Amino acid sequence: GTIFWVDQIDFSLVKEIQWPRFRPCGIIVATNENVVDELSAAMASAKKAIETLTHPWGVDERDAIKKLAFSISVSNNIFISIAKLKALRYLCGNEHAHIHANCQPFVQESYHPHSNLIHSAYAAFSAILGGCDGLTVLPEEDSQPTLQRIARNVSTLLREESFLNKVADPLAGSYFIDAAVEQIVKGVGDFGLRVTAT
């Protein structure tokens, strides 16, 4: 599980939670058209959270990183969303990152009814191929049970019908994706959260 803080992180609570698979320091990444700026802001927030946990609160740096999680938006631009998630995982150190992807609803009158169905399926597909650990697909309207059910079932359909849970990394070795990830990582610069062994 994860706690994503909307306003300010309660570091006293974050320090006290010692559950092994729980991430109490969830950072909501603000959506930005520029992927490099989006991930730079995420890394800056993560570095600030790590510094606050290590210095005033006395948490070991490795433990502080293990408490982090990111909630990031994905879109139906498949390749950009995949590269964004893979770059975020790389910047955080592959084994440390817990990434929650969320697919925002797509509402456009000219595509009604069910305009969100195709959009959210593409966005969820890109999030899964990008390696997210958690996925939320939001319905186009909260008031309609059918649309809520469709949004809930998108990830199940991708798992059961497309067998996306059977392959560890379907894009491993893809030159296009690897080049895009490398370009994003270079653009973010030195905001990486890698922990070196001491």
N, C-alpha and C. Protein backbone atom coordinates (compact mmCIF):
# COMPACT_ATOMS: atom_id res chain seq x y z
N GLY A 1 0.80 -1.17 0.00
CA GLY A 1 0.00 0.00 0.00
C GLY A 1 0.86 1.25 0.00
N THR A 2 0.21 2.36 -0.21
CA THR A 2 0.89 3.64 -0.29
C THR A 2 -0.03 4.74 0.23
N ILE A 3 0.57 5.75 0.85
CA ILE A 3 -0.15 6.98 1.19
C ILE A 3 0.37 8.05 0.25
N PHE A 4 -0.52 8.62 -0.57
CA PHE A 4 -0.14 9.74 -1.43
C PHE A 4 -0.63 11.02 -0.77
N TRP A 5 0.29 11.93 -0.50
CA TRP A 5 -0.01 13.17 0.21
C TRP A 5 -0.36 14.26 -0.78
N VAL A 6 -1.55 14.83 -0.64
CA VAL A 6 -2.00 15.87 -1.54
C VAL A 6 -1.31 17.20 -1.21
N ASP A 7 -1.24 17.53 0.06
CA ASP A 7 -0.63 18.80 0.45
C ASP A 7 0.79 18.59 0.94
N GLN A 8 0.96 18.54 2.22
CA GLN A 8 2.29 18.43 2.81
C GLN A 8 2.46 17.06 3.45
N ILE A 9 3.63 16.49 3.29
CA ILE A 9 3.91 15.15 3.83
C ILE A 9 4.09 15.24 5.34
N ASP A 10 3.45 14.35 6.09
CA ASP A 10 3.62 14.27 7.53
C ASP A 10 4.80 13.33 7.81
N PHE A 11 6.00 13.93 7.93
CA PHE A 11 7.22 13.12 8.05
C PHE A 11 7.29 12.36 9.36
N SER A 12 6.62 12.85 10.42
CA SER A 12 6.63 12.10 11.68
C SER A 12 5.90 10.76 11.50
N LEU A 13 4.82 10.77 10.74
CA LEU A 13 4.09 9.53 10.45
C LEU A 13 4.89 8.63 9.51
N VAL A 14 5.50 9.23 8.51
CA VAL A 14 6.30 8.47 7.54
C VAL A 14 7.44 7.75 8.24
N LYS A 15 8.09 8.44 9.18
CA LYS A 15 9.22 7.85 9.91
C LYS A 15 8.78 6.65 10.74
N GLU A 16 7.61 6.74 11.35
CA GLU A 16 7.15 5.69 12.26
C GLU A 16 6.69 4.42 11.56
N ILE A 17 6.20 4.53 10.34
CA ILE A 17 5.67 3.35 9.64
C ILE A 17 6.82 2.48 9.16
N GLN A 18 6.88 1.26 9.66
CA GLN A 18 7.97 0.34 9.35
C GLN A 18 7.49 -0.93 8.67
N TRP A 19 6.33 -0.92 8.08
CA TRP A 19 5.80 -2.12 7.43
C TRP A 19 6.61 -2.40 6.18
N PRO A 20 6.96 -3.64 5.93
CA PRO A 20 7.90 -3.96 4.85
C PRO A 20 7.46 -3.60 3.43
N ARG A 21 6.21 -3.78 3.09
CA ARG A 21 5.78 -3.54 1.70
C ARG A 21 4.86 -2.32 1.59
N PHE A 22 4.96 -1.41 2.55
CA PHE A 22 4.11 -0.22 2.57
C PHE A 22 4.96 1.01 2.30
N ARG A 23 4.51 1.88 1.39
CA ARG A 23 5.23 3.09 1.01
C ARG A 23 4.48 4.31 1.54
N PRO A 24 4.88 4.83 2.72
CA PRO A 24 4.12 5.94 3.32
C PRO A 24 4.44 7.32 2.75
N CYS A 25 5.41 7.43 1.88
CA CYS A 25 5.84 8.74 1.38
C CYS A 25 5.54 8.83 -0.12
N GLY A 26 4.25 8.90 -0.43
CA GLY A 26 3.83 8.94 -1.83
C GLY A 26 3.84 10.36 -2.38
N ILE A 27 4.46 10.52 -3.52
CA ILE A 27 4.57 11.83 -4.17
C ILE A 27 3.67 11.84 -5.41
N ILE A 28 2.75 12.78 -5.46
CA ILE A 28 1.89 12.93 -6.63
C ILE A 28 2.63 13.84 -7.61
N VAL A 29 2.93 13.31 -8.77
CA VAL A 29 3.69 14.05 -9.78
C VAL A 29 2.73 14.91 -10.59
N ALA A 30 3.01 16.21 -10.61
CA ALA A 30 2.16 17.13 -11.37
C ALA A 30 2.34 16.89 -12.87
N THR A 31 1.24 16.82 -13.58
CA THR A 31 1.27 16.57 -15.02
C THR A 31 1.83 17.79 -15.74
N ASN A 32 2.71 17.53 -16.71
CA ASN A 32 3.33 18.59 -17.49
C ASN A 32 3.46 18.08 -18.93
N GLU A 33 3.26 18.95 -19.88
CA GLU A 33 3.40 18.56 -21.29
C GLU A 33 4.83 18.12 -21.60
N ASN A 34 5.79 18.72 -20.94
CA ASN A 34 7.19 18.39 -21.14
C ASN A 34 7.58 17.29 -20.15
N VAL A 35 7.89 16.12 -20.65
CA VAL A 35 8.20 14.96 -19.80
C VAL A 35 9.44 15.21 -18.95
N VAL A 36 10.44 15.88 -19.50
CA VAL A 36 11.66 16.15 -18.74
C VAL A 36 11.36 17.06 -17.55
N ASP A 37 10.55 18.09 -17.77
CA ASP A 37 10.17 18.97 -16.66
C ASP A 37 9.35 18.22 -15.61
N GLU A 38 8.45 17.35 -16.07
CA GLU A 38 7.62 16.57 -15.16
C GLU A 38 8.47 15.68 -14.26
N LEU A 39 9.41 14.96 -14.86
CA LEU A 39 10.25 14.07 -14.07
C LEU A 39 11.28 14.84 -13.23
N SER A 40 11.73 15.99 -13.72
CA SER A 40 12.65 16.82 -12.91
C SER A 40 11.96 17.29 -11.64
N ALA A 41 10.70 17.72 -11.76
CA ALA A 41 9.94 18.14 -10.59
C ALA A 41 9.72 16.97 -9.63
N ALA A 42 9.46 15.79 -10.18
CA ALA A 42 9.28 14.59 -9.35
C ALA A 42 10.56 14.25 -8.59
N MET A 43 11.69 14.32 -9.27
CA MET A 43 12.97 14.01 -8.62
C MET A 43 13.32 15.06 -7.57
N ALA A 44 13.00 16.34 -7.85
CA ALA A 44 13.26 17.39 -6.87
C ALA A 44 12.42 17.17 -5.61
N SER A 45 11.15 16.78 -5.78
CA SER A 45 10.29 16.49 -4.63
C SER A 45 10.80 15.27 -3.86
N ALA A 46 11.25 14.27 -4.58
CA ALA A 46 11.77 13.07 -3.93
C ALA A 46 13.05 13.37 -3.16
N LYS A 47 13.95 14.16 -3.77
CA LYS A 47 15.19 14.52 -3.07
C LYS A 47 14.90 15.31 -1.80
N LYS A 48 13.94 16.22 -1.88
CA LYS A 48 13.56 17.02 -0.70
C LYS A 48 13.01 16.10 0.40
N ALA A 49 12.17 15.15 0.01
CA ALA A 49 11.60 14.21 0.98
C ALA A 49 12.69 13.35 1.62
N ILE A 50 13.64 12.89 0.83
CA ILE A 50 14.73 12.07 1.35
C ILE A 50 15.59 12.88 2.31
N GLU A 51 15.93 14.11 1.93
CA GLU A 51 16.74 14.97 2.80
C GLU A 51 16.02 15.25 4.12
N THR A 52 14.71 15.48 4.06
CA THR A 52 13.95 15.74 5.28
C THR A 52 13.91 14.50 6.16
N LEU A 53 13.75 13.33 5.57
CA LEU A 53 13.71 12.10 6.35
C LEU A 53 15.07 11.76 6.95
N THR A 54 16.15 12.03 6.22
CA THR A 54 17.48 11.64 6.71
C THR A 54 18.03 12.60 7.75
N HIS A 55 17.93 13.90 7.52
CA HIS A 55 18.60 14.83 8.44
C HIS A 55 17.78 15.15 9.68
N PRO A 56 16.62 15.78 9.60
CA PRO A 56 15.92 16.05 10.85
C PRO A 56 15.36 14.81 11.54
N TRP A 57 14.94 13.80 10.76
CA TRP A 57 14.27 12.65 11.36
C TRP A 57 15.18 11.45 11.57
N GLY A 58 16.39 11.47 11.05
CA GLY A 58 17.36 10.42 11.32
C GLY A 58 17.11 9.08 10.66
N VAL A 59 16.40 9.06 9.56
CA VAL A 59 16.15 7.82 8.82
C VAL A 59 17.33 7.58 7.88
N ASP A 60 17.79 6.33 7.79
CA ASP A 60 18.85 5.96 6.87
C ASP A 60 18.42 6.27 5.43
N GLU A 61 19.36 6.71 4.59
CA GLU A 61 19.02 7.12 3.23
C GLU A 61 18.38 5.99 2.43
N ARG A 62 18.90 4.79 2.58
CA ARG A 62 18.32 3.64 1.85
C ARG A 62 16.89 3.36 2.31
N ASP A 63 16.66 3.46 3.61
CA ASP A 63 15.31 3.25 4.12
C ASP A 63 14.37 4.36 3.67
N ALA A 64 14.89 5.59 3.59
CA ALA A 64 14.07 6.72 3.12
C ALA A 64 13.64 6.50 1.69
N ILE A 65 14.54 6.02 0.85
CA ILE A 65 14.19 5.77 -0.55
C ILE A 65 13.17 4.64 -0.65
N LYS A 66 13.27 3.64 0.20
CA LYS A 66 12.31 2.53 0.17
C LYS A 66 10.92 2.96 0.62
N LYS A 67 10.81 4.12 1.25
CA LYS A 67 9.51 4.63 1.68
C LYS A 67 8.82 5.44 0.58
N LEU A 68 9.54 5.74 -0.52
CA LEU A 68 8.99 6.58 -1.59
C LEU A 68 8.09 5.81 -2.55
N ALA A 69 7.13 6.53 -3.09
CA ALA A 69 6.29 6.03 -4.18
C ALA A 69 5.90 7.24 -5.02
N PHE A 70 5.60 7.00 -6.28
CA PHE A 70 5.22 8.08 -7.20
C PHE A 70 3.88 7.74 -7.83
N SER A 71 3.01 8.73 -7.91
CA SER A 71 1.76 8.61 -8.66
C SER A 71 1.87 9.54 -9.85
N ILE A 72 1.82 8.97 -11.05
CA ILE A 72 2.08 9.74 -12.26
C ILE A 72 0.99 9.46 -13.30
N SER A 73 0.62 10.49 -14.04
CA SER A 73 -0.41 10.34 -15.06
C SER A 73 0.19 9.77 -16.35
N VAL A 74 -0.60 8.94 -17.00
CA VAL A 74 -0.21 8.44 -18.32
C VAL A 74 -1.32 8.81 -19.30
N SER A 75 -0.95 8.90 -20.55
CA SER A 75 -1.92 9.27 -21.57
C SER A 75 -1.98 8.18 -22.63
N ASN A 76 -2.76 8.44 -23.68
CA ASN A 76 -2.84 7.45 -24.74
C ASN A 76 -1.71 7.62 -25.76
N ASN A 77 -0.75 8.49 -25.49
CA ASN A 77 0.46 8.58 -26.29
C ASN A 77 1.38 7.46 -25.79
N ILE A 78 1.25 6.32 -26.38
CA ILE A 78 1.83 5.09 -25.84
C ILE A 78 3.34 5.19 -25.61
N PHE A 79 4.08 5.58 -26.63
CA PHE A 79 5.54 5.54 -26.52
C PHE A 79 6.08 6.55 -25.52
N ILE A 80 5.49 7.74 -25.47
CA ILE A 80 5.93 8.75 -24.50
C ILE A 80 5.62 8.29 -23.08
N SER A 81 4.44 7.73 -22.86
CA SER A 81 4.09 7.25 -21.52
C SER A 81 4.98 6.10 -21.08
N ILE A 82 5.27 5.18 -21.97
CA ILE A 82 6.16 4.07 -21.63
C ILE A 82 7.55 4.59 -21.28
N ALA A 83 8.08 5.47 -22.12
CA ALA A 83 9.42 6.01 -21.87
C ALA A 83 9.45 6.80 -20.56
N LYS A 84 8.37 7.53 -20.26
CA LYS A 84 8.31 8.31 -19.03
C LYS A 84 8.39 7.41 -17.80
N LEU A 85 7.62 6.34 -17.80
CA LEU A 85 7.62 5.42 -16.65
C LEU A 85 8.95 4.69 -16.51
N LYS A 86 9.50 4.24 -17.63
CA LYS A 86 10.79 3.56 -17.58
C LYS A 86 11.91 4.50 -17.13
N ALA A 87 11.86 5.76 -17.56
CA ALA A 87 12.86 6.75 -17.13
C ALA A 87 12.72 7.03 -15.64
N LEU A 88 11.49 7.14 -15.14
CA LEU A 88 11.28 7.36 -13.71
C LEU A 88 11.83 6.19 -12.90
N ARG A 89 11.57 4.99 -13.36
CA ARG A 89 12.10 3.81 -12.65
C ARG A 89 13.64 3.81 -12.66
N TYR A 90 14.23 4.16 -13.80
CA TYR A 90 15.69 4.21 -13.90
C TYR A 90 16.27 5.27 -12.97
N LEU A 91 15.66 6.45 -12.94
CA LEU A 91 16.15 7.54 -12.12
C LEU A 91 16.09 7.24 -10.62
N CYS A 92 15.13 6.42 -10.24
CA CYS A 92 14.98 6.07 -8.83
C CYS A 92 15.79 4.86 -8.41
N GLY A 93 16.46 4.24 -9.33
CA GLY A 93 17.12 2.97 -9.02
C GLY A 93 16.08 1.89 -9.19
N ASN A 94 16.28 1.01 -10.11
CA ASN A 94 15.24 0.07 -10.54
C ASN A 94 14.52 -0.66 -9.42
N GLU A 95 15.23 -1.11 -8.42
CA GLU A 95 14.59 -1.91 -7.38
C GLU A 95 13.86 -1.06 -6.36
N HIS A 96 14.11 0.25 -6.33
CA HIS A 96 13.52 1.09 -5.29
C HIS A 96 12.20 1.72 -5.68
N ALA A 97 11.95 1.88 -6.95
CA ALA A 97 10.79 2.66 -7.38
C ALA A 97 9.49 1.88 -7.23
N HIS A 98 8.49 2.53 -6.65
CA HIS A 98 7.13 2.02 -6.67
C HIS A 98 6.34 3.07 -7.44
N ILE A 99 5.83 2.68 -8.60
CA ILE A 99 5.19 3.64 -9.49
C ILE A 99 3.72 3.28 -9.65
N HIS A 100 2.89 4.25 -9.32
CA HIS A 100 1.45 4.11 -9.51
C HIS A 100 1.07 4.99 -10.70
N ALA A 101 0.48 4.39 -11.71
CA ALA A 101 0.06 5.14 -12.89
C ALA A 101 -1.44 5.37 -12.83
N ASN A 102 -1.85 6.57 -13.22
CA ASN A 102 -3.29 6.83 -13.27
C ASN A 102 -3.67 7.36 -14.64
N CYS A 103 -4.78 6.84 -15.13
CA CYS A 103 -5.31 7.22 -16.44
C CYS A 103 -6.46 8.18 -16.22
N GLN A 104 -6.27 9.43 -16.58
CA GLN A 104 -7.32 10.43 -16.41
C GLN A 104 -8.43 10.19 -17.43
N PRO A 105 -9.67 10.54 -17.07
CA PRO A 105 -10.78 10.31 -18.02
C PRO A 105 -10.68 11.21 -19.24
N PHE A 106 -11.13 10.67 -20.33
CA PHE A 106 -11.15 11.39 -21.60
C PHE A 106 -12.61 11.61 -21.97
N VAL A 107 -13.03 12.85 -21.97
CA VAL A 107 -14.42 13.16 -22.26
C VAL A 107 -14.45 14.14 -23.43
N GLN A 108 -15.00 13.68 -24.54
CA GLN A 108 -15.15 14.54 -25.70
C GLN A 108 -16.50 14.20 -26.33
N GLU A 109 -17.34 15.21 -26.44
CA GLU A 109 -18.71 15.00 -26.90
C GLU A 109 -18.80 14.31 -28.26
N SER A 110 -17.90 14.64 -29.16
CA SER A 110 -17.98 14.07 -30.51
C SER A 110 -17.71 12.56 -30.55
N TYR A 111 -17.12 12.04 -29.48
CA TYR A 111 -16.81 10.60 -29.43
C TYR A 111 -17.75 9.82 -28.50
N HIS A 112 -18.80 10.46 -28.02
CA HIS A 112 -19.73 9.77 -27.13
C HIS A 112 -20.55 8.75 -27.89
N PRO A 113 -21.04 7.70 -27.34
CA PRO A 113 -20.82 7.29 -25.96
C PRO A 113 -19.52 6.50 -25.82
N HIS A 114 -19.07 6.37 -24.63
CA HIS A 114 -17.92 5.55 -24.26
C HIS A 114 -16.61 6.00 -24.89
N SER A 115 -16.40 7.30 -24.95
CA SER A 115 -15.14 7.80 -25.50
C SER A 115 -13.95 7.42 -24.63
N ASN A 116 -14.22 7.23 -23.34
CA ASN A 116 -13.13 6.92 -22.42
C ASN A 116 -12.62 5.48 -22.58
N LEU A 117 -13.42 4.60 -23.12
CA LEU A 117 -13.06 3.19 -23.20
C LEU A 117 -11.76 2.98 -23.98
N ILE A 118 -11.69 3.52 -25.18
CA ILE A 118 -10.50 3.33 -26.01
C ILE A 118 -9.32 4.11 -25.44
N HIS A 119 -9.57 5.34 -25.00
CA HIS A 119 -8.50 6.17 -24.43
C HIS A 119 -7.89 5.51 -23.20
N SER A 120 -8.74 5.05 -22.29
CA SER A 120 -8.21 4.45 -21.06
C SER A 120 -7.53 3.12 -21.33
N ALA A 121 -7.99 2.37 -22.33
CA ALA A 121 -7.32 1.11 -22.68
C ALA A 121 -5.91 1.38 -23.20
N TYR A 122 -5.77 2.39 -24.06
CA TYR A 122 -4.43 2.75 -24.55
C TYR A 122 -3.54 3.24 -23.42
N ALA A 123 -4.08 4.09 -22.56
CA ALA A 123 -3.28 4.63 -21.45
C ALA A 123 -2.87 3.52 -20.49
N ALA A 124 -3.80 2.62 -20.16
CA ALA A 124 -3.48 1.51 -19.27
C ALA A 124 -2.45 0.57 -19.91
N PHE A 125 -2.60 0.33 -21.19
CA PHE A 125 -1.65 -0.50 -21.93
C PHE A 125 -0.25 0.09 -21.85
N SER A 126 -0.13 1.41 -22.05
CA SER A 126 1.18 2.04 -21.98
C SER A 126 1.73 2.02 -20.56
N ALA A 127 0.88 2.15 -19.55
CA ALA A 127 1.34 2.09 -18.16
C ALA A 127 1.88 0.71 -17.81
N ILE A 128 1.18 -0.33 -18.26
CA ILE A 128 1.62 -1.69 -17.98
C ILE A 128 2.93 -1.99 -18.70
N LEU A 129 3.04 -1.62 -19.96
CA LEU A 129 4.29 -1.84 -20.69
C LEU A 129 5.42 -1.00 -20.13
N GLY A 130 5.09 0.15 -19.53
CA GLY A 130 6.10 0.99 -18.90
C GLY A 130 6.59 0.46 -17.57
N GLY A 131 5.88 -0.53 -17.02
CA GLY A 131 6.33 -1.18 -15.79
C GLY A 131 5.75 -0.61 -14.51
N CYS A 132 4.52 -0.10 -14.55
CA CYS A 132 3.93 0.44 -13.32
C CYS A 132 3.65 -0.69 -12.33
N ASP A 133 3.64 -0.33 -11.04
CA ASP A 133 3.34 -1.30 -9.99
C ASP A 133 1.87 -1.27 -9.59
N GLY A 134 1.22 -0.14 -9.85
CA GLY A 134 -0.19 0.02 -9.55
C GLY A 134 -0.84 0.81 -10.66
N LEU A 135 -2.14 0.61 -10.87
CA LEU A 135 -2.82 1.27 -11.98
C LEU A 135 -4.22 1.65 -11.55
N THR A 136 -4.59 2.90 -11.83
CA THR A 136 -5.96 3.36 -11.60
C THR A 136 -6.50 3.91 -12.91
N VAL A 137 -7.64 3.40 -13.32
CA VAL A 137 -8.33 3.91 -14.51
C VAL A 137 -9.60 4.59 -14.03
N LEU A 138 -9.71 5.88 -14.29
CA LEU A 138 -10.87 6.64 -13.83
C LEU A 138 -11.98 6.61 -14.89
N PRO A 139 -13.25 6.50 -14.44
CA PRO A 139 -14.36 6.49 -15.39
C PRO A 139 -14.63 7.88 -15.95
N GLU A 140 -15.29 7.93 -17.10
CA GLU A 140 -15.57 9.24 -17.69
C GLU A 140 -16.66 9.97 -16.91
N GLU A 141 -17.53 9.25 -16.20
CA GLU A 141 -18.52 9.85 -15.31
C GLU A 141 -18.67 8.97 -14.09
N ASP A 142 -18.54 9.57 -12.90
CA ASP A 142 -18.66 8.79 -11.66
C ASP A 142 -20.09 8.38 -11.35
N SER A 143 -21.06 9.06 -11.93
CA SER A 143 -22.46 8.82 -11.59
C SER A 143 -23.06 7.60 -12.29
N GLN A 144 -22.41 7.09 -13.32
CA GLN A 144 -22.97 5.96 -14.07
C GLN A 144 -22.25 4.66 -13.72
N PRO A 145 -22.97 3.69 -13.15
CA PRO A 145 -22.36 2.42 -12.76
C PRO A 145 -21.72 1.66 -13.93
N THR A 146 -22.31 1.76 -15.12
CA THR A 146 -21.75 1.05 -16.27
C THR A 146 -20.37 1.59 -16.62
N LEU A 147 -20.22 2.91 -16.60
CA LEU A 147 -18.92 3.52 -16.92
C LEU A 147 -17.89 3.22 -15.84
N GLN A 148 -18.33 3.14 -14.59
CA GLN A 148 -17.42 2.75 -13.50
C GLN A 148 -16.94 1.32 -13.70
N ARG A 149 -17.85 0.44 -14.08
CA ARG A 149 -17.50 -0.96 -14.31
C ARG A 149 -16.54 -1.12 -15.48
N ILE A 150 -16.78 -0.37 -16.55
CA ILE A 150 -15.87 -0.42 -17.70
C ILE A 150 -14.47 0.01 -17.28
N ALA A 151 -14.37 1.11 -16.54
CA ALA A 151 -13.06 1.60 -16.09
C ALA A 151 -12.37 0.58 -15.19
N ARG A 152 -13.13 -0.06 -14.31
CA ARG A 152 -12.55 -1.07 -13.41
C ARG A 152 -12.03 -2.28 -14.17
N ASN A 153 -12.69 -2.62 -15.27
CA ASN A 153 -12.36 -3.85 -15.99
C ASN A 153 -11.27 -3.69 -17.05
N VAL A 154 -10.83 -2.47 -17.31
CA VAL A 154 -9.80 -2.28 -18.35
C VAL A 154 -8.54 -3.06 -18.03
N SER A 155 -8.04 -2.94 -16.80
CA SER A 155 -6.80 -3.65 -16.46
C SER A 155 -7.00 -5.16 -16.44
N THR A 156 -8.18 -5.61 -16.04
CA THR A 156 -8.47 -7.05 -16.06
C THR A 156 -8.48 -7.58 -17.48
N LEU A 157 -9.09 -6.82 -18.40
CA LEU A 157 -9.10 -7.24 -19.80
C LEU A 157 -7.69 -7.31 -20.38
N LEU A 158 -6.87 -6.32 -20.04
CA LEU A 158 -5.50 -6.34 -20.55
C LEU A 158 -4.70 -7.51 -19.98
N ARG A 159 -4.99 -7.86 -18.73
CA ARG A 159 -4.30 -8.99 -18.11
C ARG A 159 -4.80 -10.32 -18.68
N GLU A 160 -6.13 -10.50 -18.72
CA GLU A 160 -6.70 -11.79 -19.08
C GLU A 160 -6.78 -12.03 -20.59
N GLU A 161 -7.00 -10.99 -21.37
CA GLU A 161 -7.18 -11.16 -22.82
C GLU A 161 -5.88 -10.93 -23.60
N SER A 162 -5.05 -10.02 -23.11
CA SER A 162 -3.80 -9.72 -23.82
C SER A 162 -2.59 -10.40 -23.19
N PHE A 163 -2.78 -11.02 -22.03
CA PHE A 163 -1.72 -11.76 -21.32
C PHE A 163 -0.51 -10.88 -21.01
N LEU A 164 -0.76 -9.62 -20.66
CA LEU A 164 0.35 -8.73 -20.34
C LEU A 164 1.03 -9.09 -19.02
N ASN A 165 0.40 -9.92 -18.21
CA ASN A 165 1.01 -10.35 -16.96
C ASN A 165 1.95 -11.55 -17.14
N LYS A 166 2.04 -12.08 -18.35
CA LYS A 166 2.86 -13.28 -18.60
C LYS A 166 4.29 -12.96 -19.01
N VAL A 167 4.56 -11.70 -19.39
CA VAL A 167 5.90 -11.33 -19.87
C VAL A 167 6.46 -10.26 -18.93
N ALA A 168 7.69 -10.45 -18.48
CA ALA A 168 8.29 -9.51 -17.54
C ALA A 168 8.46 -8.13 -18.15
N ASP A 169 9.06 -8.04 -19.31
CA ASP A 169 9.26 -6.75 -19.97
C ASP A 169 9.14 -6.95 -21.47
N PRO A 170 7.94 -6.76 -22.02
CA PRO A 170 7.75 -7.02 -23.44
C PRO A 170 8.55 -6.09 -24.35
N LEU A 171 9.01 -4.97 -23.83
CA LEU A 171 9.76 -4.02 -24.66
C LEU A 171 11.26 -4.06 -24.41
N ALA A 172 11.73 -5.07 -23.73
CA ALA A 172 13.17 -5.18 -23.45
C ALA A 172 13.93 -5.26 -24.77
N GLY A 173 14.92 -4.41 -24.92
CA GLY A 173 15.74 -4.41 -26.13
C GLY A 173 15.19 -3.57 -27.25
N SER A 174 14.07 -2.90 -27.05
CA SER A 174 13.51 -2.04 -28.08
C SER A 174 14.38 -0.79 -28.21
N TYR A 175 15.00 -0.62 -29.36
CA TYR A 175 15.90 0.52 -29.54
C TYR A 175 15.16 1.84 -29.38
N PHE A 176 13.97 1.94 -29.96
CA PHE A 176 13.21 3.20 -29.91
C PHE A 176 12.91 3.60 -28.47
N ILE A 177 12.41 2.66 -27.67
CA ILE A 177 12.07 2.96 -26.28
C ILE A 177 13.32 3.25 -25.47
N ASP A 178 14.37 2.43 -25.64
CA ASP A 178 15.62 2.65 -24.91
C ASP A 178 16.23 4.01 -25.23
N ALA A 179 16.18 4.41 -26.50
CA ALA A 179 16.71 5.72 -26.89
C ALA A 179 15.88 6.85 -26.29
N ALA A 180 14.56 6.69 -26.26
CA ALA A 180 13.70 7.71 -25.66
C ALA A 180 13.94 7.83 -24.16
N VAL A 181 14.09 6.69 -23.48
CA VAL A 181 14.38 6.70 -22.04
C VAL A 181 15.71 7.40 -21.79
N GLU A 182 16.72 7.05 -22.58
CA GLU A 182 18.05 7.66 -22.41
C GLU A 182 17.98 9.17 -22.61
N GLN A 183 17.23 9.61 -23.60
CA GLN A 183 17.10 11.04 -23.87
C GLN A 183 16.40 11.75 -22.70
N ILE A 184 15.37 11.15 -22.14
CA ILE A 184 14.67 11.74 -21.00
C ILE A 184 15.58 11.80 -19.79
N VAL A 185 16.31 10.72 -19.52
CA VAL A 185 17.21 10.67 -18.37
C VAL A 185 18.30 11.73 -18.49
N LYS A 186 18.85 11.89 -19.69
CA LYS A 186 19.87 12.93 -19.90
C LYS A 186 19.28 14.31 -19.67
N GLY A 187 18.04 14.52 -20.09
CA GLY A 187 17.39 15.81 -19.90
C GLY A 187 17.14 16.13 -18.44
N VAL A 188 16.81 15.12 -17.66
CA VAL A 188 16.56 15.35 -16.23
C VAL A 188 17.86 15.70 -15.52
N GLY A 189 18.98 15.19 -16.01
CA GLY A 189 20.28 15.57 -15.45
C GLY A 189 20.61 14.84 -14.17
N ASP A 190 21.03 15.60 -13.17
CA ASP A 190 21.57 14.98 -11.95
C ASP A 190 20.53 14.86 -10.85
N PHE A 191 19.25 14.76 -11.17
CA PHE A 191 18.23 14.61 -10.15
C PHE A 191 18.05 13.16 -9.73
N GLY A 192 18.85 12.23 -10.25
CA GLY A 192 18.65 10.81 -9.98
C GLY A 192 18.74 10.49 -8.50
N LEU A 193 18.04 9.45 -8.10
CA LEU A 193 17.99 9.07 -6.69
C LEU A 193 18.80 7.82 -6.40
N ARG A 194 19.76 7.53 -7.21
CA ARG A 194 20.53 6.31 -7.01
C ARG A 194 21.25 6.35 -5.66
N VAL A 195 21.20 5.24 -4.97
CA VAL A 195 21.89 5.11 -3.70
C VAL A 195 23.14 4.27 -3.93
N THR A 196 24.28 4.82 -3.61
CA THR A 196 25.50 4.06 -3.78
C THR A 196 25.83 3.33 -2.50
N ALA A 197 26.36 2.15 -2.63
CA ALA A 197 26.74 1.36 -1.46
C ALA A 197 27.92 2.02 -0.76
N THR A 198 27.82 2.13 0.56
CA THR A 198 28.92 2.74 1.32
C THR A 198 29.64 1.73 2.16
